[in-house]
C-alpha atoms as a PDB file:
ATOM      1  CA  UNK A   1      -8.692  67.588 -36.374  1.00  0.00           C
ATOM      2  CA  UNK A   2      -9.638  65.098 -33.621  1.00  0.00           C
ATOM      3  CA  UNK A   3      -7.157  64.498 -30.924  1.00  0.00           C
ATOM      4  CA  UNK A   4      -5.965  60.830 -30.948  1.00  0.00           C
ATOM      5  CA  UNK A   5      -6.824  58.997 -27.765  1.00  0.00           C
ATOM      6  CA  UNK A   6      -4.031  56.945 -26.084  1.00  0.00           C
ATOM      7  CA  UNK A   7      -5.014  53.963 -24.154  1.00  0.00           C
ATOM      8  CA  UNK A   8      -3.840  53.899 -20.486  1.00  0.00           C
ATOM      9  CA  UNK A   9      -1.691  50.987 -19.324  1.00  0.00           C
ATOM     10  CA  UNK A  10      -3.556  48.311 -17.282  1.00  0.00           C
ATOM     11  CA  UNK A  11      -3.152  48.931 -13.606  1.00  0.00           C
ATOM     12  CA  UNK A  12      -0.700  46.585 -12.037  1.00  0.00           C
ATOM     13  CA  UNK A  13      -2.143  44.073  -9.559  1.00  0.00           C
ATOM     14  CA  UNK A  14      -2.287  45.422  -6.101  1.00  0.00           C
ATOM     15  CA  UNK A  15       0.526  44.151  -3.856  1.00  0.00           C
ATOM     16  CA  UNK A  16      -0.426  41.419  -1.349  1.00  0.00           C
ATOM     17  CA  UNK A  17      -1.615  42.759   1.995  1.00  0.00           C
ATOM     18  CA  UNK A  18       0.712  42.408   5.044  1.00  0.00           C
ATOM     19  CA  UNK A  19      -1.602  39.776   6.381  1.00  0.00           C
ATOM     20  CA  UNK A  20      -1.537  37.686   3.233  1.00  0.00           C
ATOM     21  CA  UNK A  21       2.158  37.890   3.069  1.00  0.00           C
ATOM     22  CA  UNK A  22       2.515  36.748   6.633  1.00  0.00           C
ATOM     23  CA  UNK A  23       0.119  33.836   6.174  1.00  0.00           C
ATOM     24  CA  UNK A  24       2.069  32.731   3.046  1.00  0.00           C
ATOM     25  CA  UNK A  25       5.210  32.920   4.932  1.00  0.00           C
ATOM     26  CA  UNK A  26       3.777  30.885   7.766  1.00  0.00           C
ATOM     27  CA  UNK A  27       2.323  28.324   5.442  1.00  0.00           C
ATOM     28  CA  UNK A  28       5.623  27.751   3.677  1.00  0.00           C
ATOM     29  CA  UNK A  29       7.400  27.382   7.094  1.00  0.00           C
ATOM     30  CA  UNK A  30       4.869  24.742   8.190  1.00  0.00           C
ATOM     31  CA  UNK A  31       5.395  22.888   4.931  1.00  0.00           C
ATOM     32  CA  UNK A  32       9.140  23.015   5.266  1.00  0.00           C
ATOM     33  CA  UNK A  33       8.841  21.729   8.887  1.00  0.00           C
ATOM     34  CA  UNK A  34       6.624  18.906   7.747  1.00  0.00           C
ATOM     35  CA  UNK A  35       9.087  17.914   5.047  1.00  0.00           C
ATOM     36  CA  UNK A  36      11.935  17.945   7.525  1.00  0.00           C
ATOM     37  CA  UNK A  37       9.946  15.833  10.015  1.00  0.00           C
ATOM     38  CA  UNK A  38       8.825  13.325   7.182  1.00  0.00           C
ATOM     39  CA  UNK A  39      12.368  12.808   5.915  1.00  0.00           C
ATOM     40  CA  UNK A  40      13.843  11.356   9.037  1.00  0.00           C
ATOM     41  CA  UNK A  41      10.778   9.295   9.699  1.00  0.00           C
ATOM     42  CA  UNK A  42      10.872   7.729   6.135  1.00  0.00           C
ATOM     43  CA  UNK A  43      14.599   7.132   6.415  1.00  0.00           C
ATOM     44  CA  UNK A  44      13.927   5.269   9.733  1.00  0.00           C
ATOM     45  CA  UNK A  45      11.229   3.179   8.182  1.00  0.00           C
ATOM     46  CA  UNK A  46      13.296   2.265   5.178  1.00  0.00           C
ATOM     47  CA  UNK A  47      16.224   1.222   7.282  1.00  0.00           C
ATOM     48  CA  UNK A  48      14.034  -0.839   9.663  1.00  0.00           C
ATOM     49  CA  UNK A  49      12.477  -2.589   6.759  1.00  0.00           C
ATOM     50  CA  UNK A  50      15.973  -3.541   5.374  1.00  0.00           C
ATOM     51  CA  UNK A  51      17.417  -4.560   8.736  1.00  0.00           C
ATOM     52  CA  UNK A  52      14.360  -6.646   9.819  1.00  0.00           C
ATOM     53  CA  UNK A  53      14.310  -8.352   6.474  1.00  0.00           C
ATOM     54  CA  UNK A  54      17.971  -9.252   6.389  1.00  0.00           C
ATOM     55  CA  UNK A  55      18.575 -10.167  10.096  1.00  0.00           C
ATOM     56  CA  UNK A  56      15.210 -10.649  11.716  1.00  0.00           C
ATOM     57  CA  UNK A  57      13.386  -8.384  14.312  1.00  0.00           C
ATOM     58  CA  UNK A  58      14.768  -9.967  17.517  1.00  0.00           C
ATOM     59  CA  UNK A  59      18.434  -9.550  16.585  1.00  0.00           C
ATOM     60  CA  UNK A  60      18.259  -5.942  15.164  1.00  0.00           C
ATOM     61  CA  UNK A  61      18.895  -3.139  17.746  1.00  0.00           C
ATOM     62  CA  UNK A  62      17.757   0.446  17.599  1.00  0.00           C
ATOM     63  CA  UNK A  63      21.462   1.360  17.180  1.00  0.00           C
ATOM     64  CA  UNK A  64      21.658  -0.843  14.038  1.00  0.00           C
ATOM     65  CA  UNK A  65      18.645   0.826  12.547  1.00  0.00           C
ATOM     66  CA  UNK A  66      19.895   4.357  13.250  1.00  0.00           C
ATOM     67  CA  UNK A  67      23.360   3.489  12.005  1.00  0.00           C
ATOM     68  CA  UNK A  68      21.900   2.171   8.703  1.00  0.00           C
ATOM     69  CA  UNK A  69      20.004   5.410   8.106  1.00  0.00           C
ATOM     70  CA  UNK A  70      22.795   7.826   9.236  1.00  0.00           C
ATOM     71  CA  UNK A  71      20.920   9.360  12.302  1.00  0.00           C
ATOM     72  CA  UNK A  72      21.688   9.439  15.853  1.00  0.00           C
ATOM     73  CA  UNK A  73      20.084   6.819  18.211  1.00  0.00           C
ATOM     74  CA  UNK A  74      18.057   9.530  19.988  1.00  0.00           C
ATOM     75  CA  UNK A  75      16.487  10.620  16.674  1.00  0.00           C
ATOM     76  CA  UNK A  76      14.257   7.408  16.751  1.00  0.00           C
ATOM     77  CA  UNK A  77      12.678   8.408  19.991  1.00  0.00           C
ATOM     78  CA  UNK A  78      11.577  11.713  18.527  1.00  0.00           C
ATOM     79  CA  UNK A  79       9.184   9.668  16.345  1.00  0.00           C
ATOM     80  CA  UNK A  80       8.715   6.219  17.915  1.00  0.00           C
ATOM     81  CA  UNK A  81       8.597   5.283  21.630  1.00  0.00           C
ATOM     82  CA  UNK A  82      10.313   1.806  21.079  1.00  0.00           C
ATOM     83  CA  UNK A  83      11.418  -0.752  18.537  1.00  0.00           C
ATOM     84  CA  UNK A  84       8.067  -2.459  19.077  1.00  0.00           C
ATOM     85  CA  UNK A  85       6.188   0.653  17.919  1.00  0.00           C
ATOM     86  CA  UNK A  86       8.441   1.044  14.942  1.00  0.00           C
ATOM     87  CA  UNK A  87       7.713  -2.510  13.881  1.00  0.00           C
ATOM     88  CA  UNK A  88       3.982  -1.874  14.294  1.00  0.00           C
ATOM     89  CA  UNK A  89       4.182   1.287  12.392  1.00  0.00           C
ATOM     90  CA  UNK A  90       5.940  -0.022   9.332  1.00  0.00           C
ATOM     91  CA  UNK A  91       3.744  -3.141   9.072  1.00  0.00           C
ATOM     92  CA  UNK A  92       0.481  -1.208   9.837  1.00  0.00           C
ATOM     93  CA  UNK A  93       1.283   1.515   7.235  1.00  0.00           C
ATOM     94  CA  UNK A  94       2.081  -0.822   4.393  1.00  0.00           C
ATOM     95  CA  UNK A  95      -0.976  -2.899   5.209  1.00  0.00           C
ATOM     96  CA  UNK A  96      -3.214   0.046   5.233  1.00  0.00           C
ATOM     97  CA  UNK A  97      -1.823   1.258   1.864  1.00  0.00           C
ATOM     98  CA  UNK A  98      -2.373  -2.301   0.431  1.00  0.00           C
ATOM     99  CA  UNK A  99      -5.979  -2.210   1.616  1.00  0.00           C
ATOM    100  CA  UNK A 100      -6.531   1.273   0.035  1.00  0.00           C
ATOM    101  CA  UNK A 101      -5.175   0.152  -3.352  1.00  0.00           C
ATOM    102  CA  UNK A 102      -7.310  -2.945  -3.365  1.00  0.00           C
ATOM    103  CA  UNK A 103     -10.408  -0.848  -2.644  1.00  0.00           C
ATOM    104  CA  UNK A 104      -9.452   1.790  -5.272  1.00  0.00           C
ATOM    105  CA  UNK A 105      -8.732  -1.006  -7.988  1.00  0.00           C
ATOM    106  CA  UNK A 106     -12.105  -2.893  -7.337  1.00  0.00           C
ATOM    107  CA  UNK A 107     -14.062   0.394  -7.198  1.00  0.00           C
ATOM    108  CA  UNK A 108     -12.710   1.473 -10.559  1.00  0.00           C
ATOM    109  CA  UNK A 109     -13.322  -1.828 -12.299  1.00  0.00           C
ATOM    110  CA  UNK A 110     -16.912  -1.482 -13.166  1.00  0.00           C
ATOM    111  CA  UNK A 111     -19.694  -4.038 -12.290  1.00  0.00           C
ATOM    112  CA  UNK A 112     -18.482  -7.213 -13.933  1.00  0.00           C
ATOM    113  CA  UNK A 113     -17.158  -9.607 -11.210  1.00  0.00           C
ATOM    114  CA  UNK A 114     -14.466 -10.874 -13.652  1.00  0.00           C
ATOM    115  CA  UNK A 115     -13.087  -7.398 -14.118  1.00  0.00           C
ATOM    116  CA  UNK A 116     -13.187  -6.782 -10.460  1.00  0.00           C
ATOM    117  CA  UNK A 117     -11.224  -9.895  -9.663  1.00  0.00           C
ATOM    118  CA  UNK A 118      -8.644  -9.248 -12.217  1.00  0.00           C
ATOM    119  CA  UNK A 119      -8.162  -5.681 -11.015  1.00  0.00           C
ATOM    120  CA  UNK A 120      -7.951  -6.908  -7.377  1.00  0.00           C
ATOM    121  CA  UNK A 121      -5.295  -9.580  -8.318  1.00  0.00           C
ATOM    122  CA  UNK A 122      -3.220  -7.250 -10.538  1.00  0.00           C
ATOM    123  CA  UNK A 123      -2.926  -4.551  -7.952  1.00  0.00           C
ATOM    124  CA  UNK A 124      -2.169  -6.924  -5.156  1.00  0.00           C
ATOM    125  CA  UNK A 125       0.571  -8.775  -7.114  1.00  0.00           C
ATOM    126  CA  UNK A 126       2.208  -5.685  -8.428  1.00  0.00           C
ATOM    127  CA  UNK A 127       2.592  -4.377  -4.992  1.00  0.00           C
ATOM    128  CA  UNK A 128       4.006  -7.695  -3.767  1.00  0.00           C
ATOM    129  CA  UNK A 129       6.450  -7.805  -6.675  1.00  0.00           C
ATOM    130  CA  UNK A 130       7.493  -4.219  -6.181  1.00  0.00           C
ATOM    131  CA  UNK A 131       7.750  -4.211  -2.420  1.00  0.00           C
ATOM    132  CA  UNK A 132       9.224  -7.549  -1.763  1.00  0.00           C
ATOM    133  CA  UNK A 133      11.165  -6.453   1.404  1.00  0.00           C
ATOM    134  CA  UNK A 134       8.150  -4.840   2.988  1.00  0.00           C
ATOM    135  CA  UNK A 135       6.017  -8.003   2.267  1.00  0.00           C
ATOM    136  CA  UNK A 136       8.617 -10.194   3.882  1.00  0.00           C
ATOM    137  CA  UNK A 137       8.739  -8.170   7.097  1.00  0.00           C
ATOM    138  CA  UNK A 138       4.982  -7.750   7.295  1.00  0.00           C
ATOM    139  CA  UNK A 139       4.347 -11.398   7.033  1.00  0.00           C
ATOM    140  CA  UNK A 140       7.319 -12.877   8.887  1.00  0.00           C
ATOM    141  CA  UNK A 141       7.874 -10.407  11.747  1.00  0.00           C
ATOM    142  CA  UNK A 142       4.221  -9.723  12.698  1.00  0.00           C
ATOM    143  CA  UNK A 143       4.441 -12.608  15.178  1.00  0.00           C
ATOM    144  CA  UNK A 144       6.649 -10.403  17.402  1.00  0.00           C
ATOM    145  CA  UNK A 145       3.868  -7.792  17.974  1.00  0.00           C
ATOM    146  CA  UNK A 146       1.656  -8.029  21.050  1.00  0.00           C
ATOM    147  CA  UNK A 147      -2.107  -8.688  20.683  1.00  0.00           C
ATOM    148  CA  UNK A 148      -3.044  -5.011  20.966  1.00  0.00           C
ATOM    149  CA  UNK A 149      -0.582  -3.844  18.338  1.00  0.00           C
ATOM    150  CA  UNK A 150      -1.525  -6.540  15.903  1.00  0.00           C
ATOM    151  CA  UNK A 151      -5.311  -6.085  16.103  1.00  0.00           C
ATOM    152  CA  UNK A 152      -5.599  -3.248  13.560  1.00  0.00           C
ATOM    153  CA  UNK A 153      -3.293  -5.141  11.148  1.00  0.00           C
ATOM    154  CA  UNK A 154      -5.455  -8.289  11.202  1.00  0.00           C
ATOM    155  CA  UNK A 155      -8.506  -6.096  10.884  1.00  0.00           C
ATOM    156  CA  UNK A 156      -7.061  -4.737   7.629  1.00  0.00           C
ATOM    157  CA  UNK A 157      -6.227  -8.161   6.340  1.00  0.00           C
ATOM    158  CA  UNK A 158      -9.751  -9.409   7.007  1.00  0.00           C
ATOM    159  CA  UNK A 159     -11.060  -6.364   5.207  1.00  0.00           C
ATOM    160  CA  UNK A 160      -8.955  -7.348   2.091  1.00  0.00           C
ATOM    161  CA  UNK A 161     -10.107 -10.852   2.368  1.00  0.00           C
ATOM    162  CA  UNK A 162     -13.773  -9.762   2.552  1.00  0.00           C
ATOM    163  CA  UNK A 163     -13.387  -7.649  -0.587  1.00  0.00           C
ATOM    164  CA  UNK A 164     -12.319 -10.800  -2.363  1.00  0.00           C
ATOM    165  CA  UNK A 165     -15.079 -12.866  -0.929  1.00  0.00           C
ATOM    166  CA  UNK A 166     -17.616 -10.236  -2.057  1.00  0.00           C
ATOM    167  CA  UNK A 167     -16.311 -10.394  -5.575  1.00  0.00           C
ATOM    168  CA  UNK A 168     -16.565 -14.167  -5.639  1.00  0.00           C
ATOM    169  CA  UNK A 169     -20.021 -14.150  -4.227  1.00  0.00           C
ATOM    170  CA  UNK A 170     -21.176 -11.736  -6.747  1.00  0.00           C
ATOM    171  CA  UNK A 171     -19.612 -13.780  -9.513  1.00  0.00           C
ATOM    172  CA  UNK A 172     -21.370 -16.905  -8.397  1.00  0.00           C
ATOM    173  CA  UNK A 173     -24.622 -15.038  -7.994  1.00  0.00           C
ATOM    174  CA  UNK A 174     -24.306 -13.640 -11.506  1.00  0.00           C
ATOM    175  CA  UNK A 175     -23.429 -17.141 -12.940  1.00  0.00           C
ATOM    176  CA  UNK A 176     -20.111 -16.055 -14.205  1.00  0.00           C
ATOM    177  CA  UNK A 177     -17.937 -17.893 -11.531  1.00  0.00           C
ATOM    178  CA  UNK A 178     -18.051 -21.578 -10.799  1.00  0.00           C
ATOM    179  CA  UNK A 179     -15.454 -22.191  -7.974  1.00  0.00           C
ATOM    180  CA  UNK A 180     -14.681 -25.669  -6.849  1.00  0.00           C
ATOM    181  CA  UNK A 181     -17.061 -27.494  -4.400  1.00  0.00           C
ATOM    182  CA  UNK A 182     -16.289 -29.996  -1.706  1.00  0.00           C
ATOM    183  CA  UNK A 183     -19.031 -32.473  -0.874  1.00  0.00           C
ATOM    184  CA  UNK A 184     -21.451 -30.264  -2.812  1.00  0.00           C
ATOM    185  CA  UNK A 185     -20.547 -27.221  -0.839  1.00  0.00           C
ATOM    186  CA  UNK A 186     -18.731 -24.099  -1.655  1.00  0.00           C
ATOM    187  CA  UNK A 187     -16.540 -22.228   0.857  1.00  0.00           C
ATOM    188  CA  UNK A 188     -15.849 -18.886  -0.786  1.00  0.00           C
ATOM    189  CA  UNK A 189     -13.751 -17.764   2.282  1.00  0.00           C
ATOM    190  CA  UNK A 190     -11.446 -20.726   1.852  1.00  0.00           C
ATOM    191  CA  UNK A 191     -11.134 -19.928  -1.988  1.00  0.00           C
ATOM    192  CA  UNK A 192     -10.365 -16.347  -1.213  1.00  0.00           C
ATOM    193  CA  UNK A 193      -7.644 -17.264   1.351  1.00  0.00           C
ATOM    194  CA  UNK A 194      -6.147 -19.740  -1.227  1.00  0.00           C
ATOM    195  CA  UNK A 195      -5.996 -16.989  -3.886  1.00  0.00           C
ATOM    196  CA  UNK A 196      -4.495 -14.495  -1.341  1.00  0.00           C
ATOM    197  CA  UNK A 197      -1.975 -16.972  -0.139  1.00  0.00           C
ATOM    198  CA  UNK A 198      -0.862 -17.563  -3.805  1.00  0.00           C
ATOM    199  CA  UNK A 199      -0.625 -13.892  -4.590  1.00  0.00           C
ATOM    200  CA  UNK A 200       1.200 -12.938  -1.423  1.00  0.00           C
ATOM    201  CA  UNK A 201       4.007 -15.533  -1.773  1.00  0.00           C
ATOM    202  CA  UNK A 202       5.190 -14.119  -5.189  1.00  0.00           C
ATOM    203  CA  UNK A 203       7.205 -11.707  -3.036  1.00  0.00           C
ATOM    204  CA  UNK A 204       9.326 -14.698  -1.882  1.00  0.00           C
ATOM    205  CA  UNK A 205      10.759 -15.691  -5.287  1.00  0.00           C
ATOM    206  CA  UNK A 206       9.989 -12.911  -7.844  1.00  0.00           C
ATOM    207  CA  UNK A 207      13.198 -11.248  -9.028  1.00  0.00           C
ATOM    208  CA  UNK A 208      12.973  -8.076 -11.161  1.00  0.00           C
ATOM    209  CA  UNK A 209      14.933  -8.119 -14.363  1.00  0.00           C
ATOM    210  CA  UNK A 210      14.616 -11.903 -14.740  1.00  0.00           C
ATOM    211  CA  UNK A 211      11.784 -13.276 -16.976  1.00  0.00           C
ATOM    212  CA  UNK A 212       8.424 -11.456 -16.566  1.00  0.00           C
ATOM    213  CA  UNK A 213       8.070  -7.960 -15.482  1.00  0.00           C
ATOM    214  CA  UNK A 214       5.797  -7.095 -12.544  1.00  0.00           C
ATOM    215  CA  UNK A 215       2.898  -6.049 -14.922  1.00  0.00           C
ATOM    216  CA  UNK A 216       3.244  -9.258 -16.815  1.00  0.00           C
ATOM    217  CA  UNK A 217       3.405 -11.365 -13.640  1.00  0.00           C
ATOM    218  CA  UNK A 218       0.230  -9.622 -12.374  1.00  0.00           C
ATOM    219  CA  UNK A 219      -1.596 -10.365 -15.567  1.00  0.00           C
ATOM    220  CA  UNK A 220      -0.506 -14.052 -15.264  1.00  0.00           C
ATOM    221  CA  UNK A 221      -1.796 -14.233 -11.719  1.00  0.00           C
ATOM    222  CA  UNK A 222      -5.049 -12.522 -12.734  1.00  0.00           C
ATOM    223  CA  UNK A 223      -5.565 -15.100 -15.468  1.00  0.00           C
ATOM    224  CA  UNK A 224      -4.816 -17.932 -13.089  1.00  0.00           C
ATOM    225  CA  UNK A 225      -7.209 -16.476 -10.447  1.00  0.00           C
ATOM    226  CA  UNK A 226     -10.022 -16.253 -13.116  1.00  0.00           C
ATOM    227  CA  UNK A 227      -9.436 -19.894 -14.130  1.00  0.00           C
ATOM    228  CA  UNK A 228      -9.362 -21.032 -10.462  1.00  0.00           C
ATOM    229  CA  UNK A 229     -12.854 -19.775  -9.901  1.00  0.00           C
ATOM    230  CA  UNK A 230     -14.203 -21.211 -13.134  1.00  0.00           C
ATOM    231  CA  UNK A 231     -14.717 -17.781 -14.704  1.00  0.00           C
ATOM    232  CA  UNK A 232     -16.906 -18.002 -17.907  1.00  0.00           C
ATOM    233  CA  UNK A 233     -15.614 -15.960 -20.882  1.00  0.00           C
ATOM    234  CA  UNK A 234     -16.820 -12.436 -21.101  1.00  0.00           C
END
């Protein structure tokens, strides 16, 4: 009679080495430290946006901002050298994110200029409906920044304008856009600025929960933009 073979249990995974365990502990500690650092910074930014929007940059003090976010006055100087630097930081960061979103939307819209224009306007309007306080501060309080601090913000705004100009130029070249002309001449930069102005100022009057939602508003603005540039039906 043959002896029945019994299968051996699978060996348990070898325990992590001491070095791996130490690296894991150090990584978790770094991540925790980053979270702790980020939380006060985000609280300061949110309080600054709210205070500047409600009362205006010149009137608001560092003490006002820190009181609003529940931190000590000295905590601000752990992250920002001055109130000016804080204003620059919050405007520059929201502007850079807007530029990134516009690039991403246009890049994922395919090759049709009509789809690119609609995607650009939708993402731009949704952001301005959703972040009305940030838009208000970025557009109203930027004048308080000195020339050096405002340079990168204006570069980003020009980059966004140029994305739109390129879409319009592509549409005209393809024969799917026929924007207005003055004295037989098209100024696509002026058309782009008019569209941007229209989309930016939705933040001044849009109120969530009343009438259209932000996605519906974005679709409305995209349709108006396409009509403004004489877009031919797809």
